[in-house]
């Protein structure tokens, strides 16, 4: 389309870190790297928002997608969820992911190579990677269920980082 550029696009970075969102925050080099990656080195505008704002935007701009997300979460929870309930579930998932990042911090090069084999060569989902690592007895099996998707993401993210790659990009995702 004429006159259209990547810079005209917007993407969101969802974080509960106030100083990533508000001006005046002192960003770590890793924070700057994340923002650079999300913005594709400045080609895409990044809107930093918290979980509540993300859900509000989704509800107002893509109501059908929001409804499907809410329905999915309610099926998992087994009850009707309020907007506040959804925010709390997202926060708990974020906290759990941070716990898993700590669990996999000491991943060995051999484990990273195995994760790469599972994910890249065998095309295993994040859940399948988590279960495979669980069955191998890695990290003293510090997660449940064995197929925890967040643990699989943490495993794949760490393995990709060991190889200097991004787990959200090819060949990892």
N, C-alpha and C. Protein backbone atom coordinates (compact mmCIF):
# COMPACT_ATOMS: atom_id res chain seq x y z
N UNK A 1 0.85 -1.16 0.00
CA UNK A 1 0.00 0.00 0.00
C UNK A 1 0.89 1.22 0.00
N UNK A 2 0.54 2.21 -0.80
CA UNK A 2 1.37 3.40 -0.97
C UNK A 2 1.48 4.19 0.33
N UNK A 3 2.68 4.64 0.61
CA UNK A 3 2.90 5.46 1.79
C UNK A 3 2.94 4.70 3.09
N UNK A 4 2.76 3.40 3.05
CA UNK A 4 2.75 2.58 4.27
C UNK A 4 4.16 2.13 4.58
N UNK A 5 4.51 2.24 5.85
CA UNK A 5 5.82 1.76 6.27
C UNK A 5 5.67 1.02 7.58
N UNK A 6 6.70 0.26 7.94
CA UNK A 6 6.66 -0.44 9.22
C UNK A 6 6.47 0.56 10.36
N UNK A 7 7.02 1.75 10.22
CA UNK A 7 6.94 2.75 11.29
C UNK A 7 5.48 3.11 11.57
N UNK A 8 4.59 2.93 10.57
CA UNK A 8 3.17 3.22 10.76
C UNK A 8 2.50 2.17 11.63
N UNK A 9 3.16 1.03 11.81
CA UNK A 9 2.59 -0.04 12.61
C UNK A 9 2.91 0.18 14.08
N UNK A 10 2.11 -0.47 14.91
CA UNK A 10 2.33 -0.37 16.35
C UNK A 10 2.28 -1.78 16.94
N UNK A 11 3.13 -2.02 17.90
CA UNK A 11 3.11 -3.27 18.63
C UNK A 11 3.10 -2.93 20.11
N UNK A 12 2.73 -3.90 20.90
CA UNK A 12 2.64 -3.66 22.34
C UNK A 12 3.70 -4.46 23.07
N UNK A 13 4.22 -3.86 24.11
CA UNK A 13 5.07 -4.55 25.08
C UNK A 13 4.31 -4.49 26.39
N UNK A 14 3.92 -5.65 26.89
CA UNK A 14 3.12 -5.72 28.11
C UNK A 14 4.04 -6.02 29.27
N UNK A 15 4.01 -5.14 30.25
CA UNK A 15 4.85 -5.29 31.44
C UNK A 15 4.18 -4.60 32.62
N UNK A 16 4.41 -5.14 33.78
CA UNK A 16 3.93 -4.51 35.00
C UNK A 16 5.00 -3.60 35.61
N UNK A 17 6.14 -3.46 34.93
CA UNK A 17 7.23 -2.63 35.43
C UNK A 17 6.93 -1.17 35.12
N UNK A 18 6.59 -0.43 36.14
CA UNK A 18 6.21 0.98 36.01
C UNK A 18 7.25 1.78 35.24
N UNK A 19 8.53 1.51 35.50
CA UNK A 19 9.57 2.34 34.92
C UNK A 19 9.92 1.96 33.49
N UNK A 20 9.39 0.86 33.00
CA UNK A 20 9.47 0.58 31.57
C UNK A 20 8.41 1.39 30.83
N UNK A 21 7.33 1.67 31.53
CA UNK A 21 6.18 2.34 30.92
C UNK A 21 6.26 3.85 31.02
N UNK A 22 6.61 4.35 32.19
CA UNK A 22 6.61 5.79 32.42
C UNK A 22 7.95 6.41 32.08
N UNK A 23 7.90 7.67 31.68
CA UNK A 23 9.13 8.41 31.43
C UNK A 23 9.91 8.56 32.73
N UNK A 24 11.21 8.72 32.63
CA UNK A 24 12.04 8.92 33.81
C UNK A 24 12.60 7.65 34.39
N UNK A 25 12.22 6.50 33.84
CA UNK A 25 12.76 5.25 34.34
C UNK A 25 14.20 5.06 33.89
N UNK A 26 14.99 4.46 34.74
CA UNK A 26 16.38 4.15 34.39
C UNK A 26 16.40 2.73 33.83
N UNK A 27 16.57 2.64 32.54
CA UNK A 27 16.52 1.34 31.88
C UNK A 27 17.89 0.67 31.92
N UNK A 28 17.85 -0.61 32.16
CA UNK A 28 19.02 -1.45 32.06
C UNK A 28 19.31 -1.69 30.58
N UNK A 29 20.53 -2.08 30.27
CA UNK A 29 20.88 -2.40 28.89
C UNK A 29 19.95 -3.48 28.32
N UNK A 30 19.56 -4.44 29.15
CA UNK A 30 18.64 -5.49 28.70
C UNK A 30 17.28 -4.89 28.36
N UNK A 31 16.80 -3.93 29.17
CA UNK A 31 15.54 -3.24 28.86
C UNK A 31 15.61 -2.58 27.49
N UNK A 32 16.72 -1.88 27.24
CA UNK A 32 16.89 -1.21 25.95
C UNK A 32 16.94 -2.21 24.80
N UNK A 33 17.59 -3.34 25.04
CA UNK A 33 17.68 -4.37 24.01
C UNK A 33 16.30 -4.94 23.70
N UNK A 34 15.52 -5.19 24.74
CA UNK A 34 14.16 -5.71 24.54
C UNK A 34 13.33 -4.72 23.73
N UNK A 35 13.39 -3.45 24.10
CA UNK A 35 12.64 -2.43 23.37
C UNK A 35 13.11 -2.34 21.92
N UNK A 36 14.40 -2.46 21.70
CA UNK A 36 14.94 -2.42 20.34
C UNK A 36 14.43 -3.60 19.52
N UNK A 37 14.44 -4.78 20.12
CA UNK A 37 13.97 -5.97 19.41
C UNK A 37 12.49 -5.87 19.10
N UNK A 38 11.70 -5.44 20.09
CA UNK A 38 10.26 -5.33 19.89
C UNK A 38 9.95 -4.31 18.80
N UNK A 39 10.73 -3.22 18.75
CA UNK A 39 10.49 -2.17 17.75
C UNK A 39 11.16 -2.47 16.41
N UNK A 40 11.79 -3.64 16.32
CA UNK A 40 12.53 -4.00 15.11
C UNK A 40 13.52 -2.87 14.78
N UNK A 41 14.31 -2.52 15.80
CA UNK A 41 15.32 -1.47 15.70
C UNK A 41 14.73 -0.12 15.28
N UNK A 42 13.58 0.20 15.88
CA UNK A 42 12.96 1.50 15.66
C UNK A 42 12.03 1.59 14.47
N UNK A 43 11.83 0.50 13.76
CA UNK A 43 10.96 0.55 12.58
C UNK A 43 9.48 0.46 12.92
N UNK A 44 9.15 -0.08 14.10
CA UNK A 44 7.76 -0.23 14.52
C UNK A 44 7.59 0.52 15.85
N UNK A 45 6.54 1.30 15.96
CA UNK A 45 6.27 2.01 17.20
C UNK A 45 5.88 1.02 18.29
N UNK A 46 6.43 1.18 19.48
CA UNK A 46 6.13 0.30 20.60
C UNK A 46 5.29 1.06 21.62
N UNK A 47 4.17 0.49 21.95
CA UNK A 47 3.32 1.04 23.01
C UNK A 47 3.51 0.14 24.23
N UNK A 48 4.08 0.70 25.28
CA UNK A 48 4.31 -0.05 26.50
C UNK A 48 3.06 0.10 27.36
N UNK A 49 2.51 -1.03 27.80
CA UNK A 49 1.29 -1.00 28.60
C UNK A 49 1.31 -2.11 29.64
N UNK A 50 0.46 -1.95 30.64
CA UNK A 50 0.36 -3.01 31.64
C UNK A 50 -0.74 -3.99 31.22
N UNK A 51 -0.91 -5.02 32.00
CA UNK A 51 -1.86 -6.08 31.65
C UNK A 51 -3.29 -5.54 31.54
N UNK A 52 -3.67 -4.69 32.47
CA UNK A 52 -5.02 -4.12 32.45
C UNK A 52 -5.25 -3.34 31.15
N UNK A 53 -4.29 -2.51 30.79
CA UNK A 53 -4.42 -1.74 29.56
C UNK A 53 -4.49 -2.65 28.33
N UNK A 54 -3.68 -3.71 28.33
CA UNK A 54 -3.69 -4.64 27.22
C UNK A 54 -5.07 -5.28 27.05
N UNK A 55 -5.66 -5.70 28.17
CA UNK A 55 -6.99 -6.32 28.09
C UNK A 55 -8.04 -5.30 27.64
N UNK A 56 -7.94 -4.06 28.11
CA UNK A 56 -8.88 -3.01 27.71
C UNK A 56 -8.78 -2.74 26.21
N UNK A 57 -7.55 -2.65 25.70
CA UNK A 57 -7.34 -2.41 24.27
C UNK A 57 -7.90 -3.58 23.47
N UNK A 58 -7.60 -4.80 23.89
CA UNK A 58 -8.10 -5.97 23.19
C UNK A 58 -9.62 -5.99 23.18
N UNK A 59 -10.24 -5.67 24.32
CA UNK A 59 -11.70 -5.67 24.40
C UNK A 59 -12.31 -4.62 23.48
N UNK A 60 -11.68 -3.44 23.37
CA UNK A 60 -12.27 -2.37 22.57
C UNK A 60 -11.93 -2.48 21.08
N UNK A 61 -10.75 -3.01 20.74
CA UNK A 61 -10.36 -3.05 19.33
C UNK A 61 -10.66 -4.38 18.65
N UNK A 62 -10.64 -5.45 19.42
CA UNK A 62 -10.90 -6.78 18.87
C UNK A 62 -11.82 -7.54 19.82
N UNK A 63 -13.09 -7.09 19.92
CA UNK A 63 -13.99 -7.69 20.90
C UNK A 63 -14.19 -9.20 20.74
N UNK A 64 -14.19 -9.69 19.51
CA UNK A 64 -14.36 -11.13 19.31
C UNK A 64 -13.15 -11.90 19.83
N UNK A 65 -11.97 -11.40 19.57
CA UNK A 65 -10.75 -12.03 20.07
C UNK A 65 -10.73 -11.99 21.60
N UNK A 66 -11.14 -10.86 22.18
CA UNK A 66 -11.21 -10.74 23.64
C UNK A 66 -12.20 -11.76 24.21
N UNK A 67 -13.37 -11.88 23.56
CA UNK A 67 -14.39 -12.82 24.03
C UNK A 67 -13.87 -14.26 23.99
N UNK A 68 -13.18 -14.62 22.89
CA UNK A 68 -12.63 -15.97 22.78
C UNK A 68 -11.58 -16.21 23.87
N UNK A 69 -10.74 -15.22 24.13
CA UNK A 69 -9.73 -15.32 25.19
C UNK A 69 -10.41 -15.50 26.54
N UNK A 70 -11.41 -14.68 26.82
CA UNK A 70 -12.12 -14.74 28.10
C UNK A 70 -12.83 -16.09 28.25
N UNK A 71 -13.48 -16.54 27.19
CA UNK A 71 -14.15 -17.85 27.23
C UNK A 71 -13.16 -18.97 27.51
N UNK A 72 -12.00 -18.92 26.86
CA UNK A 72 -10.96 -19.93 27.08
C UNK A 72 -10.50 -19.92 28.54
N UNK A 73 -10.25 -18.74 29.07
CA UNK A 73 -9.79 -18.62 30.46
C UNK A 73 -10.87 -19.10 31.43
N UNK A 74 -12.13 -18.81 31.13
CA UNK A 74 -13.23 -19.25 32.00
C UNK A 74 -13.37 -20.77 31.97
N UNK A 75 -13.17 -21.39 30.82
CA UNK A 75 -13.22 -22.85 30.75
C UNK A 75 -12.12 -23.45 31.61
N UNK A 76 -10.92 -22.87 31.55
CA UNK A 76 -9.82 -23.36 32.37
C UNK A 76 -10.09 -23.16 33.86
N UNK A 77 -10.66 -22.02 34.20
CA UNK A 77 -10.91 -21.71 35.61
C UNK A 77 -12.16 -22.41 36.14
N UNK A 78 -13.06 -22.77 35.23
CA UNK A 78 -14.29 -23.44 35.64
C UNK A 78 -15.31 -22.50 36.25
N UNK A 79 -15.18 -21.20 35.96
CA UNK A 79 -16.14 -20.22 36.49
C UNK A 79 -16.10 -18.95 35.65
N UNK A 80 -17.11 -18.10 35.85
CA UNK A 80 -17.15 -16.80 35.19
C UNK A 80 -16.04 -15.92 35.77
N UNK A 81 -15.30 -15.25 34.90
CA UNK A 81 -14.20 -14.39 35.35
C UNK A 81 -14.51 -12.93 35.09
N UNK A 82 -14.23 -12.12 36.08
CA UNK A 82 -14.36 -10.67 35.91
C UNK A 82 -13.10 -10.15 35.24
N UNK A 83 -13.12 -8.90 34.86
CA UNK A 83 -11.95 -8.25 34.28
C UNK A 83 -10.79 -8.30 35.28
N UNK A 84 -11.09 -8.06 36.54
CA UNK A 84 -10.06 -8.10 37.59
C UNK A 84 -9.49 -9.51 37.72
N UNK A 85 -10.33 -10.54 37.61
CA UNK A 85 -9.86 -11.92 37.66
C UNK A 85 -8.88 -12.20 36.52
N UNK A 86 -9.20 -11.71 35.32
CA UNK A 86 -8.32 -11.92 34.17
C UNK A 86 -6.96 -11.27 34.40
N UNK A 87 -6.96 -10.07 34.95
CA UNK A 87 -5.71 -9.37 35.24
C UNK A 87 -4.89 -10.16 36.25
N UNK A 88 -5.54 -10.66 37.27
CA UNK A 88 -4.83 -11.43 38.29
C UNK A 88 -4.25 -12.73 37.72
N UNK A 89 -4.98 -13.39 36.85
CA UNK A 89 -4.46 -14.61 36.22
C UNK A 89 -3.23 -14.29 35.37
N UNK A 90 -3.27 -13.19 34.64
CA UNK A 90 -2.12 -12.80 33.83
C UNK A 90 -0.92 -12.48 34.70
N UNK A 91 -1.15 -11.81 35.81
CA UNK A 91 -0.05 -11.50 36.73
C UNK A 91 0.56 -12.77 37.32
N UNK A 92 -0.30 -13.72 37.67
CA UNK A 92 0.20 -14.99 38.23
C UNK A 92 1.02 -15.74 37.19
N UNK A 93 0.58 -15.72 35.93
CA UNK A 93 1.35 -16.38 34.87
C UNK A 93 2.71 -15.71 34.71
N UNK A 94 2.73 -14.39 34.78
CA UNK A 94 4.00 -13.66 34.67
C UNK A 94 4.93 -14.01 35.84
N UNK A 95 4.38 -14.08 37.04
CA UNK A 95 5.19 -14.46 38.21
C UNK A 95 5.73 -15.88 38.05
N UNK A 96 4.90 -16.78 37.57
CA UNK A 96 5.33 -18.18 37.40
C UNK A 96 6.43 -18.27 36.35
N UNK A 97 6.29 -17.51 35.28
CA UNK A 97 7.32 -17.51 34.24
C UNK A 97 8.65 -17.04 34.82
N UNK A 98 8.63 -16.00 35.64
CA UNK A 98 9.87 -15.52 36.26
C UNK A 98 10.48 -16.60 37.15
N UNK A 99 9.65 -17.38 37.84
CA UNK A 99 10.16 -18.48 38.66
C UNK A 99 10.86 -19.52 37.78
N UNK A 100 10.27 -19.84 36.64
CA UNK A 100 10.86 -20.83 35.75
C UNK A 100 12.17 -20.33 35.14
N UNK A 101 12.25 -19.05 34.87
CA UNK A 101 13.50 -18.49 34.34
C UNK A 101 14.63 -18.73 35.34
N UNK A 102 14.33 -18.61 36.62
CA UNK A 102 15.33 -18.87 37.66
C UNK A 102 15.69 -20.36 37.67
N UNK A 103 14.70 -21.22 37.53
CA UNK A 103 14.93 -22.67 37.55
C UNK A 103 15.90 -23.08 36.44
N UNK A 104 15.76 -22.50 35.24
CA UNK A 104 16.58 -22.92 34.10
C UNK A 104 17.87 -22.12 33.94
N UNK A 105 18.13 -21.23 34.88
CA UNK A 105 19.30 -20.34 34.76
C UNK A 105 20.61 -21.09 34.58
N UNK A 106 20.75 -22.25 35.18
CA UNK A 106 22.00 -23.01 35.10
C UNK A 106 21.98 -24.08 34.01
N UNK A 107 21.19 -23.88 32.98
CA UNK A 107 21.13 -24.84 31.88
C UNK A 107 22.53 -25.03 31.29
N UNK A 108 22.87 -26.27 31.02
CA UNK A 108 24.17 -26.57 30.43
C UNK A 108 24.09 -26.46 28.91
N UNK A 109 25.25 -26.41 28.29
CA UNK A 109 25.30 -26.39 26.83
C UNK A 109 24.68 -27.67 26.27
N UNK A 110 24.92 -28.80 26.92
CA UNK A 110 24.34 -30.06 26.47
C UNK A 110 22.82 -30.04 26.55
N UNK A 111 22.28 -29.47 27.63
CA UNK A 111 20.82 -29.36 27.75
C UNK A 111 20.28 -28.42 26.68
N UNK A 112 20.98 -27.31 26.44
CA UNK A 112 20.54 -26.36 25.41
C UNK A 112 20.51 -27.04 24.04
N UNK A 113 21.53 -27.86 23.76
CA UNK A 113 21.56 -28.58 22.49
C UNK A 113 20.39 -29.55 22.39
N UNK A 114 20.03 -30.20 23.50
CA UNK A 114 18.90 -31.12 23.50
C UNK A 114 17.60 -30.38 23.28
N UNK A 115 17.44 -29.22 23.93
CA UNK A 115 16.23 -28.41 23.73
C UNK A 115 16.14 -27.99 22.27
N UNK A 116 17.27 -27.59 21.69
CA UNK A 116 17.28 -27.20 20.28
C UNK A 116 16.83 -28.37 19.39
N UNK A 117 17.32 -29.55 19.69
CA UNK A 117 16.92 -30.75 18.94
C UNK A 117 15.41 -30.96 19.05
N UNK A 118 14.90 -30.90 20.28
CA UNK A 118 13.46 -31.09 20.48
C UNK A 118 12.64 -30.04 19.75
N UNK A 119 12.99 -28.77 19.94
CA UNK A 119 12.17 -27.68 19.43
C UNK A 119 12.37 -27.44 17.94
N UNK A 120 13.61 -27.33 17.52
CA UNK A 120 13.91 -26.95 16.14
C UNK A 120 13.83 -28.13 15.19
N UNK A 121 14.46 -29.24 15.57
CA UNK A 121 14.51 -30.38 14.66
C UNK A 121 13.27 -31.26 14.75
N UNK A 122 12.77 -31.48 15.96
CA UNK A 122 11.60 -32.36 16.14
C UNK A 122 10.29 -31.60 16.19
N UNK A 123 10.35 -30.27 16.18
CA UNK A 123 9.17 -29.40 16.14
C UNK A 123 8.24 -29.62 17.33
N UNK A 124 8.82 -29.83 18.49
CA UNK A 124 8.01 -30.03 19.70
C UNK A 124 7.45 -28.70 20.19
N UNK A 125 6.22 -28.74 20.68
CA UNK A 125 5.62 -27.54 21.28
C UNK A 125 6.33 -27.22 22.58
N UNK A 126 6.06 -26.02 23.12
CA UNK A 126 6.64 -25.65 24.41
C UNK A 126 6.24 -26.65 25.48
N UNK A 127 4.99 -27.08 25.45
CA UNK A 127 4.53 -28.06 26.44
C UNK A 127 5.27 -29.39 26.29
N UNK A 128 5.47 -29.82 25.04
CA UNK A 128 6.18 -31.08 24.81
C UNK A 128 7.63 -30.99 25.26
N UNK A 129 8.26 -29.83 25.05
CA UNK A 129 9.63 -29.63 25.52
C UNK A 129 9.67 -29.71 27.05
N UNK A 130 8.71 -29.08 27.71
CA UNK A 130 8.67 -29.13 29.18
C UNK A 130 8.53 -30.57 29.66
N UNK A 131 7.64 -31.32 29.05
CA UNK A 131 7.45 -32.72 29.47
C UNK A 131 8.71 -33.54 29.23
N UNK A 132 9.36 -33.35 28.09
CA UNK A 132 10.58 -34.11 27.79
C UNK A 132 11.67 -33.80 28.82
N UNK A 133 11.84 -32.53 29.17
CA UNK A 133 12.85 -32.16 30.18
C UNK A 133 12.45 -32.72 31.54
N UNK A 134 11.18 -32.71 31.84
CA UNK A 134 10.69 -33.27 33.10
C UNK A 134 11.02 -34.77 33.19
N UNK A 135 10.75 -35.48 32.09
CA UNK A 135 11.01 -36.92 32.07
C UNK A 135 12.51 -37.23 32.15
N UNK A 136 13.33 -36.29 31.71
CA UNK A 136 14.79 -36.44 31.82
C UNK A 136 15.28 -36.14 33.24
N UNK A 137 14.39 -35.58 34.07
CA UNK A 137 14.75 -35.26 35.45
C UNK A 137 15.54 -33.97 35.59
N UNK A 138 15.47 -33.11 34.61
CA UNK A 138 16.20 -31.85 34.65
C UNK A 138 15.71 -30.96 35.78
N UNK A 139 16.62 -30.22 36.37
CA UNK A 139 16.32 -29.18 37.36
C UNK A 139 15.48 -29.72 38.52
N UNK A 140 15.68 -30.96 38.82
CA UNK A 140 14.98 -31.61 39.94
C UNK A 140 13.47 -31.57 39.78
N UNK A 141 13.01 -31.48 38.55
CA UNK A 141 11.57 -31.51 38.25
C UNK A 141 10.79 -30.51 39.09
N UNK A 142 11.17 -29.26 38.98
CA UNK A 142 10.55 -28.20 39.78
C UNK A 142 9.30 -27.60 39.14
N UNK A 143 8.50 -28.41 38.48
CA UNK A 143 7.30 -27.83 37.89
C UNK A 143 6.20 -28.87 37.77
N UNK A 144 4.98 -28.35 37.75
CA UNK A 144 3.80 -29.17 37.54
C UNK A 144 2.77 -28.30 36.82
N UNK A 145 2.05 -28.87 35.89
CA UNK A 145 2.19 -30.23 35.41
C UNK A 145 3.49 -30.39 34.62
N UNK A 146 3.83 -31.61 34.32
CA UNK A 146 5.06 -31.87 33.59
C UNK A 146 5.08 -31.12 32.25
N UNK A 147 3.92 -30.90 31.68
CA UNK A 147 3.81 -30.23 30.38
C UNK A 147 3.50 -28.74 30.52
N UNK A 148 3.98 -28.11 31.57
CA UNK A 148 3.68 -26.69 31.80
C UNK A 148 4.23 -25.84 30.66
N UNK A 149 3.34 -25.14 29.98
CA UNK A 149 3.74 -24.34 28.81
C UNK A 149 4.74 -23.25 29.19
N UNK A 150 4.56 -22.61 30.32
CA UNK A 150 5.48 -21.56 30.73
C UNK A 150 6.88 -22.11 30.97
N UNK A 151 6.97 -23.32 31.53
CA UNK A 151 8.27 -23.94 31.72
C UNK A 151 8.91 -24.25 30.37
N UNK A 152 8.11 -24.74 29.44
CA UNK A 152 8.63 -24.99 28.10
C UNK A 152 9.15 -23.72 27.45
N UNK A 153 8.43 -22.63 27.62
CA UNK A 153 8.90 -21.35 27.09
C UNK A 153 10.21 -20.94 27.74
N UNK A 154 10.31 -21.11 29.06
CA UNK A 154 11.55 -20.75 29.77
C UNK A 154 12.71 -21.60 29.28
N UNK A 155 12.47 -22.89 29.09
CA UNK A 155 13.52 -23.78 28.59
C UNK A 155 13.99 -23.36 27.20
N UNK A 156 13.05 -23.11 26.33
CA UNK A 156 13.38 -22.75 24.95
C UNK A 156 14.05 -21.37 24.91
N UNK A 157 13.55 -20.44 25.70
CA UNK A 157 14.15 -19.10 25.74
C UNK A 157 15.61 -19.18 26.20
N UNK A 158 15.88 -19.95 27.25
CA UNK A 158 17.24 -20.08 27.76
C UNK A 158 18.14 -20.77 26.75
N UNK A 159 17.65 -21.86 26.15
CA UNK A 159 18.46 -22.58 25.17
C UNK A 159 18.80 -21.68 23.98
N UNK A 160 17.83 -20.96 23.48
CA UNK A 160 18.08 -20.06 22.35
C UNK A 160 19.11 -19.00 22.73
N UNK A 161 18.99 -18.46 23.94
CA UNK A 161 19.93 -17.44 24.39
C UNK A 161 21.35 -17.99 24.46
N UNK A 162 21.49 -19.23 24.89
CA UNK A 162 22.82 -19.85 24.94
C UNK A 162 23.45 -19.88 23.55
N UNK A 163 22.63 -20.03 22.53
CA UNK A 163 23.13 -20.04 21.16
C UNK A 163 23.12 -18.65 20.52
N UNK A 164 22.82 -17.62 21.33
CA UNK A 164 22.81 -16.26 20.81
C UNK A 164 21.64 -15.97 19.90
N UNK A 165 20.53 -16.67 20.13
CA UNK A 165 19.36 -16.53 19.28
C UNK A 165 18.13 -16.12 20.10
N UNK A 166 17.08 -15.75 19.41
CA UNK A 166 15.84 -15.33 20.04
C UNK A 166 14.81 -16.45 19.90
N UNK A 167 14.26 -16.90 21.01
CA UNK A 167 13.33 -18.04 20.99
C UNK A 167 12.02 -17.73 20.30
N UNK A 168 11.73 -16.48 20.04
CA UNK A 168 10.48 -16.11 19.36
C UNK A 168 10.66 -16.00 17.85
N UNK A 169 11.89 -16.21 17.38
CA UNK A 169 12.17 -16.09 15.95
C UNK A 169 12.65 -17.42 15.39
N UNK A 170 12.75 -17.48 14.06
CA UNK A 170 13.28 -18.65 13.39
C UNK A 170 14.69 -18.92 13.91
N UNK A 171 15.11 -20.11 14.06
CA UNK A 171 14.40 -21.35 13.77
C UNK A 171 13.57 -21.86 14.93
N UNK A 172 13.55 -21.10 16.03
CA UNK A 172 12.91 -21.56 17.27
C UNK A 172 11.40 -21.47 17.24
N UNK A 173 10.86 -20.52 16.54
CA UNK A 173 9.41 -20.29 16.57
C UNK A 173 8.90 -19.88 15.22
